[in-house]
Amino acid sequence: MAADVLEDIDARIAAVLAEDGRCSYTDLAARVGLSVSAVHQRVRRLEQRGVIQGYAARLDGEQLGLPLTAFVSLTPIDPAEPDDYPERLRVLPQIEACHSVAGVESYIVKVRVASPSALEALLAQIRATANVSTRTTVVLSTPFEDRPVAGLALRAALQDGDPVG
């Protein structure tokens, strides 16, 4: 099991990249105290292991014409049906994320749409496509999102001698 845990230096590399995925190898090397070639090799290994799963741009939903974000909880109408909701819902591009959860609901999906009427239409599509009942929470504002994994940031801070808390 210990082989699955990241070495401290790999955790620091991952923490820096989680915070700034566009960080150059030169800057990354300086921040973690390795040579550029060593950092490049370690990043490549982290990608191959699946620790780093990709790099993406964060987009502003409002500027894209999708200012309304909501979380929709899904509960099966017929619990005897196969649990293939993610596959059924994958065709709906307004669904940004799908999470399997414990509790009353089976899944929670995050959606972005242009308006309340677009949300209403999407909810009807979700219900028809997946044969589920829904409970919706509309997001009023998002003080923060897409934070780096907490454990990595904490490990990196402790390694650098930064105060925590």
Protein backbone atom coordinates (compact mmCIF):
# COMPACT_ATOMS: atom_id res chain seq x y z
CA MET A 1 0.00 0.00 0.00
CA ALA A 2 2.88 2.39 0.73
CA ALA A 3 3.85 2.19 -2.96
CA ASP A 4 0.55 3.93 -3.81
CA VAL A 5 1.32 6.95 -1.62
CA LEU A 6 3.12 9.79 -3.35
CA GLU A 7 6.64 10.62 -2.30
CA ASP A 8 6.89 14.08 -0.72
CA ILE A 9 8.56 15.60 -3.79
CA ASP A 10 5.87 14.17 -6.11
CA ALA A 11 3.18 15.50 -3.78
CA ARG A 12 4.80 18.95 -3.94
CA ILE A 13 4.95 18.78 -7.76
CA ALA A 14 1.29 17.73 -7.89
CA ALA A 15 0.29 20.52 -5.49
CA VAL A 16 2.04 23.19 -7.58
CA LEU A 17 0.47 21.88 -10.81
CA ALA A 18 -2.97 21.67 -9.19
CA GLU A 19 -2.65 25.34 -8.28
CA ASP A 20 -1.13 26.37 -11.64
CA GLY A 21 -1.38 23.82 -14.43
CA ARG A 22 0.44 26.19 -16.78
CA CYS A 23 3.54 26.39 -14.59
CA SER A 24 6.64 25.92 -16.74
CA TYR A 25 9.08 23.12 -15.98
CA THR A 26 11.67 25.79 -15.12
CA ASP A 27 9.39 27.47 -12.57
CA LEU A 28 8.22 24.11 -11.24
CA ALA A 29 11.82 22.95 -10.78
CA ALA A 30 12.67 26.13 -8.88
CA ARG A 31 9.62 25.79 -6.63
CA VAL A 32 10.33 22.16 -5.67
CA GLY A 33 14.13 22.30 -5.64
CA LEU A 34 14.93 19.88 -8.48
CA SER A 35 16.53 20.19 -11.89
CA VAL A 36 14.30 20.82 -14.90
CA SER A 37 15.02 17.36 -16.33
CA ALA A 38 14.23 15.65 -13.00
CA VAL A 39 10.93 17.55 -12.75
CA HIS A 40 10.07 16.69 -16.36
CA GLN A 41 10.66 12.98 -15.67
CA ARG A 42 8.62 13.05 -12.47
CA VAL A 43 5.71 14.87 -14.15
CA ARG A 44 5.74 12.33 -16.99
CA ARG A 45 5.63 9.47 -14.44
CA LEU A 46 2.78 11.16 -12.53
CA GLU A 47 0.87 11.42 -15.81
CA GLN A 48 1.55 7.76 -16.68
CA ARG A 49 0.40 6.63 -13.22
CA GLY A 50 -2.81 8.61 -13.63
CA VAL A 51 -2.06 10.91 -10.69
CA ILE A 52 -2.17 13.82 -13.15
CA GLN A 53 -5.20 13.12 -15.30
CA GLY A 54 -5.05 16.17 -17.53
CA TYR A 55 -4.77 19.91 -17.80
CA ALA A 56 -7.76 22.14 -18.47
CA ALA A 57 -8.78 25.76 -18.78
CA ARG A 58 -11.29 27.05 -16.21
CA LEU A 59 -14.05 28.89 -18.01
CA ASP A 60 -16.41 31.58 -16.73
CA GLY A 61 -19.98 30.31 -17.16
CA GLU A 62 -21.45 33.82 -17.15
CA GLN A 63 -19.24 34.98 -20.01
CA LEU A 64 -20.16 31.81 -21.92
CA GLY A 65 -23.86 32.60 -21.56
CA LEU A 66 -24.41 29.93 -18.88
CA PRO A 67 -24.84 31.96 -15.69
CA LEU A 68 -27.11 29.51 -13.84
CA THR A 69 -25.47 26.62 -11.99
CA ALA A 70 -27.47 24.02 -10.08
CA PHE A 71 -26.96 20.73 -8.30
CA VAL A 72 -29.59 18.14 -9.13
CA SER A 73 -30.07 15.13 -6.86
CA LEU A 74 -31.34 12.01 -8.63
CA THR A 75 -33.44 9.31 -7.00
CA PRO A 76 -34.52 6.25 -9.01
CA ILE A 77 -38.25 5.90 -9.51
CA ASP A 78 -37.84 2.13 -9.81
CA PRO A 79 -34.91 0.90 -7.68
CA ALA A 80 -35.04 -2.43 -9.53
CA GLU A 81 -33.87 -0.75 -12.76
CA PRO A 82 -30.19 -1.09 -13.69
CA ASP A 83 -27.91 1.59 -12.21
CA ASP A 84 -26.80 3.02 -15.55
CA TYR A 85 -27.77 6.65 -14.96
CA PRO A 86 -24.33 8.11 -15.78
CA GLU A 87 -24.38 6.41 -19.19
CA ARG A 88 -27.93 7.59 -19.89
CA LEU A 89 -27.16 11.16 -18.84
CA ARG A 90 -23.78 11.46 -20.57
CA VAL A 91 -25.59 12.67 -23.73
CA LEU A 92 -26.78 15.85 -21.98
CA PRO A 93 -24.00 18.43 -22.43
CA GLN A 94 -25.41 20.74 -19.76
CA ILE A 95 -24.34 18.21 -17.12
CA GLU A 96 -20.85 19.24 -16.05
CA ALA A 97 -20.25 16.58 -13.37
CA CYS A 98 -21.92 13.44 -12.07
CA HIS A 99 -21.23 12.06 -8.59
CA SER A 100 -22.42 8.76 -7.14
CA VAL A 101 -23.39 9.47 -3.53
CA ALA A 102 -24.46 7.71 -0.35
CA GLY A 103 -27.80 8.64 1.14
CA VAL A 104 -31.33 8.96 -0.16
CA GLU A 105 -30.24 10.06 -3.63
CA SER A 106 -28.17 7.86 -5.93
CA TYR A 107 -26.38 10.62 -7.85
CA ILE A 108 -25.87 14.36 -7.76
CA VAL A 109 -25.15 16.15 -11.02
CA LYS A 110 -23.83 19.66 -11.50
CA VAL A 111 -25.43 21.53 -14.38
CA ARG A 112 -24.90 24.89 -16.09
CA VAL A 113 -27.63 26.51 -18.14
CA ALA A 114 -28.60 29.89 -19.59
CA SER A 115 -31.81 30.56 -17.65
CA PRO A 116 -34.44 29.23 -15.26
CA SER A 117 -36.53 28.07 -18.22
CA ALA A 118 -33.49 26.22 -19.61
CA LEU A 119 -33.07 24.56 -16.20
CA GLU A 120 -36.72 23.55 -16.20
CA ALA A 121 -36.35 22.00 -19.67
CA LEU A 122 -33.15 20.20 -18.63
CA LEU A 123 -34.83 18.78 -15.52
CA ALA A 124 -37.59 17.36 -17.72
CA GLN A 125 -34.93 15.82 -19.99
CA ILE A 126 -33.07 14.31 -17.02
CA ARG A 127 -36.28 12.81 -15.61
CA ALA A 128 -37.29 11.34 -18.97
CA THR A 129 -33.81 10.10 -19.92
CA ALA A 130 -32.95 8.43 -16.62
CA ASN A 131 -36.41 7.67 -15.16
CA VAL A 132 -35.56 9.44 -11.90
CA SER A 133 -37.10 11.99 -9.61
CA THR A 134 -35.06 15.13 -9.03
CA ARG A 135 -34.40 17.62 -6.25
CA THR A 136 -32.68 20.81 -7.37
CA THR A 137 -30.52 23.32 -5.54
CA VAL A 138 -29.73 26.51 -7.46
CA VAL A 139 -26.33 28.11 -6.84
CA LEU A 140 -26.54 31.79 -5.89
CA SER A 141 -22.79 32.45 -5.92
CA THR A 142 -19.53 30.51 -5.84
CA PRO A 143 -16.99 31.99 -3.43
CA PHE A 144 -14.44 29.34 -4.50
CA GLU A 145 -14.29 26.23 -6.64
CA ASP A 146 -11.74 23.80 -8.13
CA ARG A 147 -9.40 24.03 -5.16
CA PRO A 148 -6.32 21.80 -5.19
CA VAL A 149 -6.54 18.60 -3.17
CA ALA A 150 -6.24 19.69 0.47
CA GLY A 151 -3.81 16.99 1.55
CA LEU A 152 -1.33 17.87 -1.20
CA ALA A 153 -1.37 21.58 -0.41
CA LEU A 154 -0.91 20.84 3.29
CA ARG A 155 1.97 18.44 2.60
CA ALA A 156 3.65 20.96 0.32
CA ALA A 157 3.27 23.74 2.90
CA LEU A 158 4.75 21.57 5.64
CA GLN A 159 7.69 20.61 3.39
CA ASP A 160 8.35 24.28 2.62
CA GLY A 161 8.18 25.17 6.31
CA ASP A 162 5.18 27.42 5.80
CA PRO A 163 2.93 27.97 8.80
CA VAL A 164 -0.31 26.00 8.64
CA GLY A 165 -3.68 27.23 9.81
